All heavy atoms as atom14 arrays in JSON, in Angstrom:
{
  "sequence": "DILSDLGTYFEDHFAYRNELVALNAYLRTGLAATSPAPS",
  "atom14_mask": [
    [1, 1, 1, 1, 1, 1, 1, 1, 0, 0, 0, 0, 0, 0],
    [1, 1, 1, 1, 1, 1, 1, 1, 0, 0, 0, 0, 0, 0],
    [1, 1, 1, 1, 1, 1, 1, 1, 0, 0, 0, 0, 0, 0],
    [1, 1, 1, 1, 1, 1, 0, 0, 0, 0, 0, 0, 0, 0],
    [1, 1, 1, 1, 1, 1, 1, 1, 0, 0, 0, 0, 0, 0],
    [1, 1, 1, 1, 1, 1, 1, 1, 0, 0, 0, 0, 0, 0],
    [1, 1, 1, 1, 0, 0, 0, 0, 0, 0, 0, 0, 0, 0],
    [1, 1, 1, 1, 1, 1, 1, 0, 0, 0, 0, 0, 0, 0],
    [1, 1, 1, 1, 1, 1, 1, 1, 1, 1, 1, 1, 0, 0],
    [1, 1, 1, 1, 1, 1, 1, 1, 1, 1, 1, 0, 0, 0],
    [1, 1, 1, 1, 1, 1, 1, 1, 1, 0, 0, 0, 0, 0],
    [1, 1, 1, 1, 1, 1, 1, 1, 0, 0, 0, 0, 0, 0],
    [1, 1, 1, 1, 1, 1, 1, 1, 1, 1, 0, 0, 0, 0],
    [1, 1, 1, 1, 1, 1, 1, 1, 1, 1, 1, 0, 0, 0],
    [1, 1, 1, 1, 1, 0, 0, 0, 0, 0, 0, 0, 0, 0],
    [1, 1, 1, 1, 1, 1, 1, 1, 1, 1, 1, 1, 0, 0],
    [1, 1, 1, 1, 1, 1, 1, 1, 1, 1, 1, 0, 0, 0],
    [1, 1, 1, 1, 1, 1, 1, 1, 0, 0, 0, 0, 0, 0],
    [1, 1, 1, 1, 1, 1, 1, 1, 1, 0, 0, 0, 0, 0],
    [1, 1, 1, 1, 1, 1, 1, 1, 0, 0, 0, 0, 0, 0],
    [1, 1, 1, 1, 1, 1, 1, 0, 0, 0, 0, 0, 0, 0],
    [1, 1, 1, 1, 1, 0, 0, 0, 0, 0, 0, 0, 0, 0],
    [1, 1, 1, 1, 1, 1, 1, 1, 0, 0, 0, 0, 0, 0],
    [1, 1, 1, 1, 1, 1, 1, 1, 0, 0, 0, 0, 0, 0],
    [1, 1, 1, 1, 1, 0, 0, 0, 0, 0, 0, 0, 0, 0],
    [1, 1, 1, 1, 1, 1, 1, 1, 1, 1, 1, 1, 0, 0],
    [1, 1, 1, 1, 1, 1, 1, 1, 0, 0, 0, 0, 0, 0],
    [1, 1, 1, 1, 1, 1, 1, 1, 1, 1, 1, 0, 0, 0],
    [1, 1, 1, 1, 1, 1, 1, 0, 0, 0, 0, 0, 0, 0],
    [1, 1, 1, 1, 0, 0, 0, 0, 0, 0, 0, 0, 0, 0],
    [1, 1, 1, 1, 1, 1, 1, 1, 0, 0, 0, 0, 0, 0],
    [1, 1, 1, 1, 1, 0, 0, 0, 0, 0, 0, 0, 0, 0],
    [1, 1, 1, 1, 1, 0, 0, 0, 0, 0, 0, 0, 0, 0],
    [1, 1, 1, 1, 1, 1, 1, 0, 0, 0, 0, 0, 0, 0],
    [1, 1, 1, 1, 1, 1, 0, 0, 0, 0, 0, 0, 0, 0],
    [1, 1, 1, 1, 1, 1, 1, 0, 0, 0, 0, 0, 0, 0],
    [1, 1, 1, 1, 1, 0, 0, 0, 0, 0, 0, 0, 0, 0],
    [1, 1, 1, 1, 1, 1, 1, 0, 0, 0, 0, 0, 0, 0],
    [1, 1, 1, 1, 1, 1, 0, 0, 0, 0, 0, 0, 0, 0]
  ],
  "atom14_positions": [
    [[92.81, 70.96, 105.68], [93.69, 71.71, 104.77], [92.92, 72.28, 103.58], [93.52, 72.63, 102.56], [94.8, 70.78, 104.25], [95.71, 70.29, 105.36], [96.02, 71.09, 106.26], [96.12, 69.11, 105.31], [0.0, 0.0, 0.0], [0.0, 0.0, 0.0], [0.0, 0.0, 0.0], [0.0, 0.0, 0.0], [0.0, 0.0, 0.0], [0.0, 0.0, 0.0]],
    [[91.6, 72.38, 103.71], [90.79, 72.78, 102.57], [91.18, 74.15, 102.04], [91.24, 74.37, 100.82], [89.28, 72.74, 102.94], [88.42, 73.04, 101.72], [88.96, 73.68, 104.09], [88.49, 72.02, 100.63], [0.0, 0.0, 0.0], [0.0, 0.0, 0.0], [0.0, 0.0, 0.0], [0.0, 0.0, 0.0], [0.0, 0.0, 0.0], [0.0, 0.0, 0.0]],
    [[91.45, 75.12, 102.93], [91.8, 76.47, 102.47], [93.14, 76.47, 101.73], [93.29, 77.1, 100.68], [91.84, 77.43, 103.65], [90.49, 77.71, 104.33], [90.67, 78.68, 105.5], [89.5, 78.29, 103.33], [0.0, 0.0, 0.0], [0.0, 0.0, 0.0], [0.0, 0.0, 0.0], [0.0, 0.0, 0.0], [0.0, 0.0, 0.0], [0.0, 0.0, 0.0]],
    [[94.1, 75.73, 102.28], [95.4, 75.63, 101.61], [95.27, 74.93, 100.26], [95.87, 75.36, 99.27], [96.38, 74.87, 102.5], [97.6, 74.64, 101.84], [0.0, 0.0, 0.0], [0.0, 0.0, 0.0], [0.0, 0.0, 0.0], [0.0, 0.0, 0.0], [0.0, 0.0, 0.0], [0.0, 0.0, 0.0], [0.0, 0.0, 0.0], [0.0, 0.0, 0.0]],
    [[94.46, 73.88, 100.23], [94.27, 73.15, 98.98], [93.55, 74.0, 97.94], [93.86, 73.94, 96.74], [93.45, 71.87, 99.24], [94.22, 70.86, 100.08], [95.45, 71.0, 100.18], [93.59, 69.94, 100.63], [0.0, 0.0, 0.0], [0.0, 0.0, 0.0], [0.0, 0.0, 0.0], [0.0, 0.0, 0.0], [0.0, 0.0, 0.0], [0.0, 0.0, 0.0]],
    [[92.59, 74.8, 98.39], [91.9, 75.7, 97.46], [92.85, 76.74, 96.9], [92.78, 77.12, 95.73], [90.72, 76.38, 98.17], [89.47, 75.52, 98.37], [88.46, 76.25, 99.25], [88.83, 75.17, 97.02], [0.0, 0.0, 0.0], [0.0, 0.0, 0.0], [0.0, 0.0, 0.0], [0.0, 0.0, 0.0], [0.0, 0.0, 0.0], [0.0, 0.0, 0.0]],
    [[93.78, 77.22, 97.76], [94.78, 78.17, 97.28], [95.68, 77.57, 96.22], [95.98, 78.21, 95.2], [0.0, 0.0, 0.0], [0.0, 0.0, 0.0], [0.0, 0.0, 0.0], [0.0, 0.0, 0.0], [0.0, 0.0, 0.0], [0.0, 0.0, 0.0], [0.0, 0.0, 0.0], [0.0, 0.0, 0.0], [0.0, 0.0, 0.0], [0.0, 0.0, 0.0]],
    [[96.09, 76.32, 96.43], [96.91, 75.63, 95.44], [96.15, 75.43, 94.14], [96.69, 75.6, 93.04], [97.37, 74.27, 95.99], [98.1, 74.47, 97.21], [98.25, 73.54, 94.99], [0.0, 0.0, 0.0], [0.0, 0.0, 0.0], [0.0, 0.0, 0.0], [0.0, 0.0, 0.0], [0.0, 0.0, 0.0], [0.0, 0.0, 0.0], [0.0, 0.0, 0.0]],
    [[94.86, 75.07, 94.26], [94.03, 74.89, 93.07], [93.9, 76.2, 92.3], [94.02, 76.23, 91.07], [92.65, 74.39, 93.49], [91.7, 74.2, 92.33], [91.74, 73.04, 91.57], [90.77, 75.18, 91.99], [90.88, 72.85, 90.5], [89.91, 75.01, 90.91], [89.97, 73.84, 90.17], [89.13, 73.67, 89.11], [0.0, 0.0, 0.0], [0.0, 0.0, 0.0]],
    [[93.7, 77.31, 93.02], [93.57, 78.61, 92.36], [94.87, 78.99, 91.65], [94.84, 79.51, 90.53], [93.19, 79.67, 93.38], [93.19, 81.07, 92.83], [92.17, 81.49, 91.99], [94.21, 81.95, 93.13], [92.17, 82.77, 91.46], [94.23, 83.23, 92.6], [93.2, 83.65, 91.77], [0.0, 0.0, 0.0], [0.0, 0.0, 0.0], [0.0, 0.0, 0.0]],
    [[96.01, 78.73, 92.28], [97.29, 79.08, 91.67], [97.49, 78.38, 90.33], [98.15, 78.92, 89.43], [98.43, 78.69, 92.62], [98.52, 79.57, 93.87], [99.57, 79.05, 94.84], [100.25, 78.06, 94.5], [99.71, 79.63, 95.92], [0.0, 0.0, 0.0], [0.0, 0.0, 0.0], [0.0, 0.0, 0.0], [0.0, 0.0, 0.0], [0.0, 0.0, 0.0]],
    [[96.94, 77.2, 90.19], [97.1, 76.44, 88.94], [96.03, 76.75, 87.9], [96.26, 76.56, 86.7], [97.09, 74.94, 89.23], [98.42, 74.42, 89.73], [99.37, 75.22, 89.8], [98.51, 73.23, 90.06], [0.0, 0.0, 0.0], [0.0, 0.0, 0.0], [0.0, 0.0, 0.0], [0.0, 0.0, 0.0], [0.0, 0.0, 0.0], [0.0, 0.0, 0.0]],
    [[94.85, 77.22, 88.34], [93.71, 77.29, 87.43], [93.14, 78.7, 87.23], [92.14, 78.84, 86.51], [92.58, 76.38, 87.94], [92.92, 74.92, 87.91], [92.74, 74.12, 86.8], [93.45, 74.11, 88.87], [93.12, 72.88, 87.07], [93.56, 72.85, 88.31], [0.0, 0.0, 0.0], [0.0, 0.0, 0.0], [0.0, 0.0, 0.0], [0.0, 0.0, 0.0]],
    [[93.74, 79.73, 87.82], [93.12, 81.05, 87.67], [93.07, 81.47, 86.2], [93.87, 81.02, 85.37], [93.83, 82.1, 88.53], [95.27, 82.38, 88.16], [95.59, 83.22, 87.11], [96.31, 81.83, 88.9], [96.9, 83.5, 86.78], [97.62, 82.11, 88.59], [97.93, 82.94, 87.52], [0.0, 0.0, 0.0], [0.0, 0.0, 0.0], [0.0, 0.0, 0.0]],
    [[92.11, 82.32, 85.88], [91.84, 82.69, 84.49], [93.04, 83.39, 83.85], [93.73, 84.19, 84.5], [90.62, 83.61, 84.44], [0.0, 0.0, 0.0], [0.0, 0.0, 0.0], [0.0, 0.0, 0.0], [0.0, 0.0, 0.0], [0.0, 0.0, 0.0], [0.0, 0.0, 0.0], [0.0, 0.0, 0.0], [0.0, 0.0, 0.0], [0.0, 0.0, 0.0]],
    [[93.29, 83.06, 82.6], [94.35, 83.68, 81.8], [95.73, 83.47, 82.42], [96.64, 84.28, 82.24], [94.08, 85.18, 81.6], [92.71, 85.47, 81.04], [91.73, 86.06, 81.84], [92.39, 85.11, 79.74], [90.46, 86.31, 81.34], [91.11, 85.36, 79.22], [90.16, 85.96, 80.03], [88.9, 86.18, 79.54], [0.0, 0.0, 0.0], [0.0, 0.0, 0.0]],
    [[95.89, 82.37, 83.13], [97.18, 82.09, 83.78], [98.3, 82.0, 82.75], [99.37, 82.6, 82.91], [97.09, 80.79, 84.58], [98.38, 80.42, 85.31], [98.24, 79.08, 86.02], [99.39, 78.8, 86.84], [100.5, 78.23, 86.41], [100.6, 77.9, 85.11], [101.51, 78.01, 87.23], [0.0, 0.0, 0.0], [0.0, 0.0, 0.0], [0.0, 0.0, 0.0]],
    [[98.1, 81.22, 81.7], [99.15, 81.03, 80.71], [99.54, 82.34, 80.04], [100.72, 82.62, 79.81], [98.7, 80.02, 79.65], [98.61, 78.61, 80.21], [99.25, 78.28, 81.21], [97.82, 77.77, 79.57], [0.0, 0.0, 0.0], [0.0, 0.0, 0.0], [0.0, 0.0, 0.0], [0.0, 0.0, 0.0], [0.0, 0.0, 0.0], [0.0, 0.0, 0.0]],
    [[98.54, 83.17, 79.75], [98.83, 84.45, 79.11], [99.61, 85.38, 80.05], [100.55, 86.06, 79.62], [97.52, 85.12, 78.67], [96.82, 84.46, 77.49], [96.08, 83.18, 77.87], [95.97, 82.89, 79.08], [95.62, 82.48, 76.95], [0.0, 0.0, 0.0], [0.0, 0.0, 0.0], [0.0, 0.0, 0.0], [0.0, 0.0, 0.0], [0.0, 0.0, 0.0]],
    [[99.23, 85.4, 81.31], [99.92, 86.27, 82.26], [101.33, 85.78, 82.53], [102.28, 86.58, 82.65], [99.12, 86.33, 83.57], [97.78, 87.05, 83.49], [96.99, 86.87, 84.77], [97.98, 88.54, 83.18], [0.0, 0.0, 0.0], [0.0, 0.0, 0.0], [0.0, 0.0, 0.0], [0.0, 0.0, 0.0], [0.0, 0.0, 0.0], [0.0, 0.0, 0.0]],
    [[101.5, 84.46, 82.62], [102.86, 83.91, 82.81], [103.73, 84.23, 81.61], [104.9, 84.61, 81.74], [102.78, 82.39, 83.04], [104.17, 81.77, 83.0], [102.12, 82.09, 84.39], [0.0, 0.0, 0.0], [0.0, 0.0, 0.0], [0.0, 0.0, 0.0], [0.0, 0.0, 0.0], [0.0, 0.0, 0.0], [0.0, 0.0, 0.0], [0.0, 0.0, 0.0]],
    [[103.17, 84.09, 80.4], [103.93, 84.4, 79.19], [104.29, 85.88, 79.12], [105.41, 86.24, 78.75], [103.14, 83.98, 77.95], [0.0, 0.0, 0.0], [0.0, 0.0, 0.0], [0.0, 0.0, 0.0], [0.0, 0.0, 0.0], [0.0, 0.0, 0.0], [0.0, 0.0, 0.0], [0.0, 0.0, 0.0], [0.0, 0.0, 0.0], [0.0, 0.0, 0.0]],
    [[103.34, 86.75, 79.47], [103.6, 88.19, 79.47], [104.74, 88.53, 80.41], [105.65, 89.31, 80.08], [102.34, 88.95, 79.86], [102.47, 90.48, 79.94], [102.87, 91.05, 78.58], [101.16, 91.1, 80.43], [0.0, 0.0, 0.0], [0.0, 0.0, 0.0], [0.0, 0.0, 0.0], [0.0, 0.0, 0.0], [0.0, 0.0, 0.0], [0.0, 0.0, 0.0]],
    [[104.72, 87.94, 81.61], [105.8, 88.16, 82.57], [107.14, 87.69, 82.0], [108.17, 88.36, 82.14], [105.49, 87.43, 83.87], [106.62, 87.52, 84.88], [107.06, 88.61, 85.23], [107.09, 86.38, 85.35], [0.0, 0.0, 0.0], [0.0, 0.0, 0.0], [0.0, 0.0, 0.0], [0.0, 0.0, 0.0], [0.0, 0.0, 0.0], [0.0, 0.0, 0.0]],
    [[107.12, 86.54, 81.31], [108.36, 86.0, 80.74], [108.9, 86.91, 79.65], [110.11, 87.16, 79.57], [108.11, 84.59, 80.2], [0.0, 0.0, 0.0], [0.0, 0.0, 0.0], [0.0, 0.0, 0.0], [0.0, 0.0, 0.0], [0.0, 0.0, 0.0], [0.0, 0.0, 0.0], [0.0, 0.0, 0.0], [0.0, 0.0, 0.0], [0.0, 0.0, 0.0]],
    [[108.02, 87.41, 78.78], [108.48, 88.3, 77.72], [109.07, 89.59, 78.3], [110.08, 90.11, 77.8], [107.33, 88.63, 76.77], [107.11, 87.58, 75.71], [105.99, 86.77, 75.71], [108.04, 87.39, 74.69], [105.79, 85.8, 74.75], [107.86, 86.42, 73.72], [106.73, 85.63, 73.75], [106.56, 84.67, 72.8], [0.0, 0.0, 0.0], [0.0, 0.0, 0.0]],
    [[108.47, 90.13, 79.34], [108.99, 91.33, 79.97], [110.35, 91.06, 80.61], [111.29, 91.85, 80.46], [108.0, 91.86, 81.01], [106.68, 92.42, 80.46], [105.73, 92.77, 81.6], [106.95, 93.65, 79.6], [0.0, 0.0, 0.0], [0.0, 0.0, 0.0], [0.0, 0.0, 0.0], [0.0, 0.0, 0.0], [0.0, 0.0, 0.0], [0.0, 0.0, 0.0]],
    [[110.45, 89.94, 81.33], [111.7, 89.64, 82.02], [112.84, 89.33, 81.04], [113.96, 89.79, 81.23], [111.48, 88.44, 82.96], [110.62, 88.74, 84.18], [111.43, 89.36, 85.29], [112.42, 88.45, 85.8], [112.21, 87.51, 86.72], [110.98, 87.36, 87.22], [113.19, 86.74, 87.14], [0.0, 0.0, 0.0], [0.0, 0.0, 0.0], [0.0, 0.0, 0.0]],
    [[112.54, 88.54, 80.02], [113.6, 88.21, 79.07], [113.97, 89.4, 78.2], [115.13, 89.57, 77.82], [113.18, 87.03, 78.19], [111.94, 87.34, 77.53], [113.01, 85.77, 79.01], [0.0, 0.0, 0.0], [0.0, 0.0, 0.0], [0.0, 0.0, 0.0], [0.0, 0.0, 0.0], [0.0, 0.0, 0.0], [0.0, 0.0, 0.0], [0.0, 0.0, 0.0]],
    [[112.97, 90.23, 77.87], [113.23, 91.38, 77.02], [113.95, 92.52, 77.72], [114.82, 93.17, 77.14], [0.0, 0.0, 0.0], [0.0, 0.0, 0.0], [0.0, 0.0, 0.0], [0.0, 0.0, 0.0], [0.0, 0.0, 0.0], [0.0, 0.0, 0.0], [0.0, 0.0, 0.0], [0.0, 0.0, 0.0], [0.0, 0.0, 0.0], [0.0, 0.0, 0.0]],
    [[113.61, 92.76, 78.98], [114.19, 93.9, 79.7], [115.41, 93.53, 80.52], [116.36, 94.33, 80.63], [113.12, 94.52, 80.62], [111.88, 95.08, 79.92], [110.88, 95.58, 80.95], [112.27, 96.21, 78.96], [0.0, 0.0, 0.0], [0.0, 0.0, 0.0], [0.0, 0.0, 0.0], [0.0, 0.0, 0.0], [0.0, 0.0, 0.0], [0.0, 0.0, 0.0]],
    [[115.42, 92.34, 81.11], [116.51, 91.96, 82.0], [117.3, 90.76, 81.51], [118.29, 90.37, 82.14], [115.96, 91.67, 83.4], [0.0, 0.0, 0.0], [0.0, 0.0, 0.0], [0.0, 0.0, 0.0], [0.0, 0.0, 0.0], [0.0, 0.0, 0.0], [0.0, 0.0, 0.0], [0.0, 0.0, 0.0], [0.0, 0.0, 0.0], [0.0, 0.0, 0.0]],
    [[116.91, 90.16, 80.39], [117.59, 88.99, 79.82], [117.71, 87.86, 80.84], [118.73, 87.17, 80.9], [118.96, 89.37, 79.28], [0.0, 0.0, 0.0], [0.0, 0.0, 0.0], [0.0, 0.0, 0.0], [0.0, 0.0, 0.0], [0.0, 0.0, 0.0], [0.0, 0.0, 0.0], [0.0, 0.0, 0.0], [0.0, 0.0, 0.0], [0.0, 0.0, 0.0]],
    [[116.69, 87.67, 81.65], [116.67, 86.58, 82.63], [115.35, 85.82, 82.5], [114.36, 86.36, 82.02], [116.79, 87.1, 84.07], [115.7, 87.99, 84.35], [118.11, 87.81, 84.27], [0.0, 0.0, 0.0], [0.0, 0.0, 0.0], [0.0, 0.0, 0.0], [0.0, 0.0, 0.0], [0.0, 0.0, 0.0], [0.0, 0.0, 0.0], [0.0, 0.0, 0.0]],
    [[115.37, 84.58, 82.92], [114.19, 83.74, 82.81], [113.45, 83.65, 84.13], [114.07, 83.34, 85.16], [114.59, 82.33, 82.36], [113.53, 81.42, 82.53], [0.0, 0.0, 0.0], [0.0, 0.0, 0.0], [0.0, 0.0, 0.0], [0.0, 0.0, 0.0], [0.0, 0.0, 0.0], [0.0, 0.0, 0.0], [0.0, 0.0, 0.0], [0.0, 0.0, 0.0]],
    [[112.15, 83.9, 84.16], [111.38, 83.72, 85.38], [111.01, 82.26, 85.64], [110.54, 81.93, 86.72], [110.13, 84.56, 85.13], [109.94, 84.51, 83.66], [111.33, 84.47, 83.07], [0.0, 0.0, 0.0], [0.0, 0.0, 0.0], [0.0, 0.0, 0.0], [0.0, 0.0, 0.0], [0.0, 0.0, 0.0], [0.0, 0.0, 0.0], [0.0, 0.0, 0.0]],
    [[111.21, 81.4, 84.65], [110.9, 79.98, 84.81], [112.09, 79.26, 85.43], [113.2, 79.29, 84.87], [110.56, 79.35, 83.45], [0.0, 0.0, 0.0], [0.0, 0.0, 0.0], [0.0, 0.0, 0.0], [0.0, 0.0, 0.0], [0.0, 0.0, 0.0], [0.0, 0.0, 0.0], [0.0, 0.0, 0.0], [0.0, 0.0, 0.0], [0.0, 0.0, 0.0]],
    [[111.93, 78.62, 86.59], [113.07, 78.01, 87.26], [113.73, 76.89, 86.48], [114.9, 76.58, 86.7], [112.46, 77.48, 88.57], [111.0, 77.36, 88.32], [110.67, 78.44, 87.34], [0.0, 0.0, 0.0], [0.0, 0.0, 0.0], [0.0, 0.0, 0.0], [0.0, 0.0, 0.0], [0.0, 0.0, 0.0], [0.0, 0.0, 0.0], [0.0, 0.0, 0.0]],
    [[113.02, 76.28, 85.54], [113.59, 75.16, 84.78], [114.24, 75.59, 83.47], [114.76, 74.75, 82.74], [112.5, 74.13, 84.48], [111.42, 74.72, 83.79], [0.0, 0.0, 0.0], [0.0, 0.0, 0.0], [0.0, 0.0, 0.0], [0.0, 0.0, 0.0], [0.0, 0.0, 0.0], [0.0, 0.0, 0.0], [0.0, 0.0, 0.0], [0.0, 0.0, 0.0]]
  ]
}
């Protein structure tokens, strides 16, 4: 499962992840008034 595990690792650790997630959230909440975060 090394390839699958590497994909999961990349999803959590890719560069500027927090900034990109926050940018997506600001766009979604600002334009559509909805949250992209499931929680």
